[in-house]
Amino acid sequence: LLKELERQKFALNQLKHAKEVDQEKLASTMMELEHASAQVNASVIKPNALIGENEWLNAIRTRLHTPGGTSPIDLPGFYAWRHSPASSRRELLQKFIYPMLPWQEACHLFLRLLRESGESKEVLAHQGSFQQAPSGKVYQLMRITLEDPSLFAEISANKYLVSIRLLKCEQDLKPTLINQDIPFKLTFCQF
């Protein structure tokens, strides 16, 4: 994450003398990146260290994939916690989450800048399918924006072809193929 933030800072720094760039917005974004990097650097805990160092959380993590592994017999502490007052459960969860907030904020900033780096274009999925050969550039993220919230995309991509198939989720939650032309926005993002 820190490397990506540094890469973004370097890329934005190259724009300092560009006349077509809003210098106020650039300075504001650079300050956000500096702040996020400093917060992550200053955080005393790395994201996975909390679970690894906490015996209670580690026991829950190792038992989650075992059928019946979270029973009161296997995890009496977890069972007791689940039946404690909501305020004390919330307090404990906030205690675990608080050290990871700088990482969350830095991730949100990184993803926001990445998403904003692309230009959307209107395309049409003929009979619910769309294919396109990439332009040769390497992209970090591809975004699809659909108007209808009941539609979703099934995506397959490699360096030779991007293939998108649109499906609709019906009342029974079973995905069905779309047999009509659907316009959508396609964005390739690279920071």
C-alpha atoms as a PDB file:
ATOM      1  CA  LEU A   1       0.000   0.000   0.000  1.00  0.00           C
ATOM      2  CA  LEU A   2       2.800   2.394   0.874  1.00  0.00           C
ATOM      3  CA  LYS A   3       4.532   1.677  -2.438  1.00  0.00           C
ATOM      4  CA  GLU A   4       1.323   2.427  -4.338  1.00  0.00           C
ATOM      5  CA  LEU A   5       0.804   5.673  -2.435  1.00  0.00           C
ATOM      6  CA  GLU A   6       4.391   6.680  -3.209  1.00  0.00           C
ATOM      7  CA  ARG A   7       3.857   5.819  -6.876  1.00  0.00           C
ATOM      8  CA  GLN A   8       0.731   7.984  -6.948  1.00  0.00           C
ATOM      9  CA  LYS A   9       2.613  10.867  -5.278  1.00  0.00           C
ATOM     10  CA  PHE A  10       5.383  10.586  -7.865  1.00  0.00           C
ATOM     11  CA  ALA A  11       2.889  10.567 -10.759  1.00  0.00           C
ATOM     12  CA  LEU A  12       1.063  13.612  -9.395  1.00  0.00           C
ATOM     13  CA  ASN A  13       4.327  15.411  -8.714  1.00  0.00           C
ATOM     14  CA  GLN A  14       5.062  15.240 -12.458  1.00  0.00           C
ATOM     15  CA  LEU A  15       1.961  17.384 -13.050  1.00  0.00           C
ATOM     16  CA  LYS A  16       3.055  20.316 -10.862  1.00  0.00           C
ATOM     17  CA  HIS A  17       4.047  22.501 -13.798  1.00  0.00           C
ATOM     18  CA  ALA A  18       1.320  21.456 -16.240  1.00  0.00           C
ATOM     19  CA  LYS A  19      -0.846  24.455 -17.126  1.00  0.00           C
ATOM     20  CA  GLU A  20      -3.991  22.424 -17.819  1.00  0.00           C
ATOM     21  CA  VAL A  21      -3.987  20.929 -14.298  1.00  0.00           C
ATOM     22  CA  ASP A  22      -5.940  22.554 -11.461  1.00  0.00           C
ATOM     23  CA  GLN A  23      -3.041  23.304  -9.109  1.00  0.00           C
ATOM     24  CA  GLU A  24      -5.270  23.733  -6.035  1.00  0.00           C
ATOM     25  CA  LYS A  25      -6.835  20.303  -6.517  1.00  0.00           C
ATOM     26  CA  LEU A  26      -3.404  18.823  -7.194  1.00  0.00           C
ATOM     27  CA  ALA A  27      -1.985  20.338  -3.988  1.00  0.00           C
ATOM     28  CA  SER A  28      -4.987  19.105  -2.006  1.00  0.00           C
ATOM     29  CA  THR A  29      -4.608  15.574  -3.375  1.00  0.00           C
ATOM     30  CA  MET A  30      -0.864  15.609  -2.677  1.00  0.00           C
ATOM     31  CA  MET A  31      -1.593  16.632   0.928  1.00  0.00           C
ATOM     32  CA  GLU A  32      -4.109  13.775   1.236  1.00  0.00           C
ATOM     33  CA  LEU A  33      -1.494  11.314  -0.032  1.00  0.00           C
ATOM     34  CA  GLU A  34       1.159  12.698   2.339  1.00  0.00           C
ATOM     35  CA  HIS A  35      -1.238  12.448   5.275  1.00  0.00           C
ATOM     36  CA  ALA A  36      -2.301   8.882   4.399  1.00  0.00           C
ATOM     37  CA  SER A  37       1.325   7.751   3.981  1.00  0.00           C
ATOM     38  CA  ALA A  38       2.329   9.326   7.283  1.00  0.00           C
ATOM     39  CA  GLN A  39      -0.617   7.719   9.104  1.00  0.00           C
ATOM     40  CA  VAL A  40       0.155   4.248   7.726  1.00  0.00           C
ATOM     41  CA  ASN A  41       3.860   4.659   8.518  1.00  0.00           C
ATOM     42  CA  ALA A  42       3.033   5.801  12.050  1.00  0.00           C
ATOM     43  CA  SER A  43       0.581   2.990  12.749  1.00  0.00           C
ATOM     44  CA  VAL A  44       2.100   0.628  15.259  1.00  0.00           C
ATOM     45  CA  ILE A  45       0.237  -2.396  13.978  1.00  0.00           C
ATOM     46  CA  LYS A  46       0.167  -4.070  10.614  1.00  0.00           C
ATOM     47  CA  PRO A  47      -3.279  -5.274   9.451  1.00  0.00           C
ATOM     48  CA  ASN A  48      -2.812  -9.018  10.052  1.00  0.00           C
ATOM     49  CA  ALA A  49      -0.737  -8.715  13.212  1.00  0.00           C
ATOM     50  CA  LEU A  50      -3.782  -8.043  15.397  1.00  0.00           C
ATOM     51  CA  ILE A  51      -5.378 -11.404  14.625  1.00  0.00           C
ATOM     52  CA  GLY A  52      -2.104 -13.309  14.807  1.00  0.00           C
ATOM     53  CA  GLU A  53      -1.176 -11.855  18.198  1.00  0.00           C
ATOM     54  CA  ASN A  54      -4.597 -12.123  19.822  1.00  0.00           C
ATOM     55  CA  GLU A  55      -5.231 -15.635  21.126  1.00  0.00           C
ATOM     56  CA  TRP A  56      -9.018 -15.195  21.198  1.00  0.00           C
ATOM     57  CA  LEU A  57      -9.265 -13.942  17.586  1.00  0.00           C
ATOM     58  CA  ASN A  58      -6.792 -16.545  16.370  1.00  0.00           C
ATOM     59  CA  ALA A  59      -8.838 -19.348  17.970  1.00  0.00           C
ATOM     60  CA  ILE A  60     -11.979 -18.076  16.228  1.00  0.00           C
ATOM     61  CA  ARG A  61     -10.165 -17.790  12.891  1.00  0.00           C
ATOM     62  CA  THR A  62      -8.831 -21.342  13.037  1.00  0.00           C
ATOM     63  CA  ARG A  63     -12.212 -22.819  14.052  1.00  0.00           C
ATOM     64  CA  LEU A  64     -14.418 -20.968  11.534  1.00  0.00           C
ATOM     65  CA  HIS A  65     -13.812 -23.464   8.731  1.00  0.00           C
ATOM     66  CA  THR A  66     -14.453 -26.506  10.888  1.00  0.00           C
ATOM     67  CA  PRO A  67     -18.076 -27.693  10.790  1.00  0.00           C
ATOM     68  CA  GLY A  68     -19.499 -26.936  14.224  1.00  0.00           C
ATOM     69  CA  GLY A  69     -16.152 -25.372  15.184  1.00  0.00           C
ATOM     70  CA  THR A  70     -17.706 -22.317  16.796  1.00  0.00           C
ATOM     71  CA  SER A  71     -19.843 -24.243  19.239  1.00  0.00           C
ATOM     72  CA  PRO A  72     -19.909 -23.218  22.924  1.00  0.00           C
ATOM     73  CA  ILE A  73     -17.785 -26.265  23.773  1.00  0.00           C
ATOM     74  CA  ASP A  74     -15.016 -25.430  21.285  1.00  0.00           C
ATOM     75  CA  LEU A  75     -15.007 -21.662  21.830  1.00  0.00           C
ATOM     76  CA  PRO A  76     -16.486 -20.873  25.248  1.00  0.00           C
ATOM     77  CA  GLY A  77     -14.967 -17.368  25.226  1.00  0.00           C
ATOM     78  CA  PHE A  78     -16.616 -16.574  21.890  1.00  0.00           C
ATOM     79  CA  TYR A  79     -19.932 -17.970  23.136  1.00  0.00           C
ATOM     80  CA  ALA A  80     -19.738 -15.834  26.287  1.00  0.00           C
ATOM     81  CA  TRP A  81     -18.811 -12.754  24.239  1.00  0.00           C
ATOM     82  CA  ARG A  82     -21.774 -13.294  21.881  1.00  0.00           C
ATOM     83  CA  HIS A  83     -24.098 -13.282  24.891  1.00  0.00           C
ATOM     84  CA  SER A  84     -22.543 -10.241  26.551  1.00  0.00           C
ATOM     85  CA  PRO A  85     -24.265  -6.826  26.304  1.00  0.00           C
ATOM     86  CA  ALA A  86     -24.170  -5.191  22.866  1.00  0.00           C
ATOM     87  CA  SER A  87     -22.264  -2.197  24.234  1.00  0.00           C
ATOM     88  CA  SER A  88     -19.368  -4.347  25.475  1.00  0.00           C
ATOM     89  CA  ARG A  89     -19.278  -6.321  22.190  1.00  0.00           C
ATOM     90  CA  ARG A  90     -19.198  -3.068  20.222  1.00  0.00           C
ATOM     91  CA  GLU A  91     -16.455  -1.697  22.485  1.00  0.00           C
ATOM     92  CA  LEU A  92     -14.269  -4.772  21.922  1.00  0.00           C
ATOM     93  CA  LEU A  93     -14.808  -4.657  18.146  1.00  0.00           C
ATOM     94  CA  GLN A  94     -13.914  -0.965  18.069  1.00  0.00           C
ATOM     95  CA  LYS A  95     -10.760  -1.761  20.028  1.00  0.00           C
ATOM     96  CA  PHE A  96      -9.768  -4.246  17.308  1.00  0.00           C
ATOM     97  CA  ILE A  97     -10.756  -1.962  14.419  1.00  0.00           C
ATOM     98  CA  TYR A  98      -9.240   1.311  15.660  1.00  0.00           C
ATOM     99  CA  PRO A  99      -5.565   0.434  14.927  1.00  0.00           C
ATOM    100  CA  MET A 100      -6.500  -0.474  11.340  1.00  0.00           C
ATOM    101  CA  LEU A 101      -8.293   2.802  10.521  1.00  0.00           C
ATOM    102  CA  PRO A 102      -5.205   4.445   8.925  1.00  0.00           C
ATOM    103  CA  TRP A 103      -4.921   1.446   6.581  1.00  0.00           C
ATOM    104  CA  GLN A 104      -8.602   1.688   5.694  1.00  0.00           C
ATOM    105  CA  GLU A 105      -8.378   5.417   4.981  1.00  0.00           C
ATOM    106  CA  ALA A 106      -5.261   4.929   2.836  1.00  0.00           C
ATOM    107  CA  CYS A 107      -6.970   2.137   0.873  1.00  0.00           C
ATOM    108  CA  HIS A 108     -10.032   4.330   0.288  1.00  0.00           C
ATOM    109  CA  LEU A 109      -7.830   7.178  -0.956  1.00  0.00           C
ATOM    110  CA  PHE A 110      -5.806   4.892  -3.241  1.00  0.00           C
ATOM    111  CA  LEU A 111      -8.944   3.359  -4.761  1.00  0.00           C
ATOM    112  CA  ARG A 112     -10.667   6.744  -5.152  1.00  0.00           C
ATOM    113  CA  LEU A 113      -7.701   8.160  -7.048  1.00  0.00           C
ATOM    114  CA  LEU A 114      -7.435   5.024  -9.172  1.00  0.00           C
ATOM    115  CA  ARG A 115     -11.147   5.074 -10.023  1.00  0.00           C
ATOM    116  CA  GLU A 116     -11.020   8.778 -10.880  1.00  0.00           C
ATOM    117  CA  SER A 117      -8.038   8.247 -13.203  1.00  0.00           C
ATOM    118  CA  GLY A 118     -10.049   6.536 -15.930  1.00  0.00           C
ATOM    119  CA  GLU A 119     -12.270   7.973 -18.614  1.00  0.00           C
ATOM    120  CA  SER A 120     -15.669   6.353 -19.043  1.00  0.00           C
ATOM    121  CA  LYS A 121     -17.057   5.567 -22.443  1.00  0.00           C
ATOM    122  CA  GLU A 122     -20.530   4.409 -23.399  1.00  0.00           C
ATOM    123  CA  VAL A 123     -20.543   0.959 -24.990  1.00  0.00           C
ATOM    124  CA  LEU A 124     -23.253  -1.495 -25.976  1.00  0.00           C
ATOM    125  CA  ALA A 125     -23.514  -5.140 -24.961  1.00  0.00           C
ATOM    126  CA  HIS A 126     -25.152  -6.808 -27.992  1.00  0.00           C
ATOM    127  CA  GLN A 127     -27.494  -9.514 -26.744  1.00  0.00           C
ATOM    128  CA  GLY A 128     -25.914  -9.066 -23.311  1.00  0.00           C
ATOM    129  CA  SER A 129     -22.326  -9.670 -24.485  1.00  0.00           C
ATOM    130  CA  PHE A 130     -19.426  -7.328 -25.094  1.00  0.00           C
ATOM    131  CA  GLN A 131     -15.885  -8.056 -26.265  1.00  0.00           C
ATOM    132  CA  GLN A 132     -12.973  -5.729 -26.861  1.00  0.00           C
ATOM    133  CA  ALA A 133      -9.281  -6.139 -27.516  1.00  0.00           C
ATOM    134  CA  PRO A 134      -7.297  -4.017 -25.045  1.00  0.00           C
ATOM    135  CA  SER A 135      -5.369  -1.059 -26.446  1.00  0.00           C
ATOM    136  CA  GLY A 136      -2.011  -2.526 -25.429  1.00  0.00           C
ATOM    137  CA  LYS A 137      -1.784  -0.538 -22.201  1.00  0.00           C
ATOM    138  CA  VAL A 138      -1.769  -2.292 -18.856  1.00  0.00           C
ATOM    139  CA  TYR A 139      -4.622  -1.189 -16.615  1.00  0.00           C
ATOM    140  CA  GLN A 140      -4.966  -1.640 -12.879  1.00  0.00           C
ATOM    141  CA  LEU A 141      -8.749  -1.590 -12.752  1.00  0.00           C
ATOM    142  CA  MET A 142     -11.733  -1.988 -15.045  1.00  0.00           C
ATOM    143  CA  ARG A 143     -15.068  -0.489 -13.990  1.00  0.00           C
ATOM    144  CA  ILE A 144     -18.496  -1.264 -15.364  1.00  0.00           C
ATOM    145  CA  THR A 145     -21.439   1.002 -14.578  1.00  0.00           C
ATOM    146  CA  LEU A 146     -24.920  -0.387 -15.230  1.00  0.00           C
ATOM    147  CA  GLU A 147     -28.134   1.612 -14.895  1.00  0.00           C
ATOM    148  CA  ASP A 148     -30.308  -1.344 -13.868  1.00  0.00           C
ATOM    149  CA  PRO A 149     -29.389  -2.548 -10.329  1.00  0.00           C
ATOM    150  CA  SER A 150     -30.719  -6.046 -11.070  1.00  0.00           C
ATOM    151  CA  LEU A 151     -28.012  -6.524 -13.737  1.00  0.00           C
ATOM    152  CA  PHE A 152     -24.488  -7.636 -13.023  1.00  0.00           C
ATOM    153  CA  ALA A 153     -21.433  -8.409 -15.113  1.00  0.00           C
ATOM    154  CA  GLU A 154     -19.458 -11.600 -15.469  1.00  0.00           C
ATOM    155  CA  ILE A 155     -15.994 -10.565 -16.635  1.00  0.00           C
ATOM    156  CA  SER A 156     -13.137 -12.459 -18.212  1.00  0.00           C
ATOM    157  CA  ALA A 157     -10.019 -10.549 -19.193  1.00  0.00           C
ATOM    158  CA  ASN A 158      -6.465 -11.181 -20.276  1.00  0.00           C
ATOM    159  CA  LYS A 159      -3.914  -9.255 -22.317  1.00  0.00           C
ATOM    160  CA  TYR A 160      -5.645 -10.209 -25.581  1.00  0.00           C
ATOM    161  CA  LEU A 161      -9.365  -9.826 -24.897  1.00  0.00           C
ATOM    162  CA  VAL A 162     -11.866  -8.362 -22.450  1.00  0.00           C
ATOM    163  CA  SER A 163     -15.133 -10.284 -22.432  1.00  0.00           C
ATOM    164  CA  ILE A 164     -18.185  -9.104 -20.507  1.00  0.00           C
ATOM    165  CA  ARG A 165     -21.437 -11.003 -20.181  1.00  0.00           C
ATOM    166  CA  LEU A 166     -24.399  -9.322 -18.524  1.00  0.00           C
ATOM    167  CA  LEU A 167     -26.752 -11.325 -16.353  1.00  0.00           C
ATOM    168  CA  LYS A 168     -29.940 -10.430 -14.528  1.00  0.00           C
ATOM    169  CA  CYS A 169     -30.791 -11.526 -11.022  1.00  0.00           C
ATOM    170  CA  GLU A 170     -34.474 -12.432 -10.905  1.00  0.00           C
ATOM    171  CA  GLN A 171     -36.792 -12.763  -7.892  1.00  0.00           C
ATOM    172  CA  ASP A 172     -35.594 -16.321  -7.216  1.00  0.00           C
ATOM    173  CA  LEU A 173     -31.987 -14.963  -7.189  1.00  0.00           C
ATOM    174  CA  LYS A 174     -31.055 -17.263 -10.070  1.00  0.00           C
ATOM    175  CA  PRO A 175     -28.900 -15.432 -12.639  1.00  0.00           C
ATOM    176  CA  THR A 176     -30.292 -15.448 -16.183  1.00  0.00           C
ATOM    177  CA  LEU A 177     -28.645 -14.414 -19.436  1.00  0.00           C
ATOM    178  CA  ILE A 178     -29.690 -11.147 -21.043  1.00  0.00           C
ATOM    179  CA  ASN A 179     -30.939 -11.432 -24.631  1.00  0.00           C
ATOM    180  CA  GLN A 180     -31.185  -7.741 -25.459  1.00  0.00           C
ATOM    181  CA  ASP A 181     -28.821  -4.864 -26.187  1.00  0.00           C
ATOM    182  CA  ILE A 182     -27.774  -3.087 -22.996  1.00  0.00           C
ATOM    183  CA  PRO A 183     -25.804   0.183 -22.907  1.00  0.00           C
ATOM    184  CA  PHE A 184     -23.289   0.585 -20.089  1.00  0.00           C
ATOM    185  CA  LYS A 185     -20.251   2.630 -19.119  1.00  0.00           C
ATOM    186  CA  LEU A 186     -16.835   1.019 -19.351  1.00  0.00           C
ATOM    187  CA  THR A 187     -13.825   2.588 -17.651  1.00  0.00           C
ATOM    188  CA  PHE A 188     -10.225   1.424 -17.780  1.00  0.00           C
ATOM    189  CA  CYS A 189      -8.262   2.938 -14.891  1.00  0.00           C
ATOM    190  CA  GLN A 190      -4.497   3.361 -14.671  1.00  0.00           C
ATOM    191  CA  PHE A 191      -2.820   5.761 -12.294  1.00  0.00           C
END
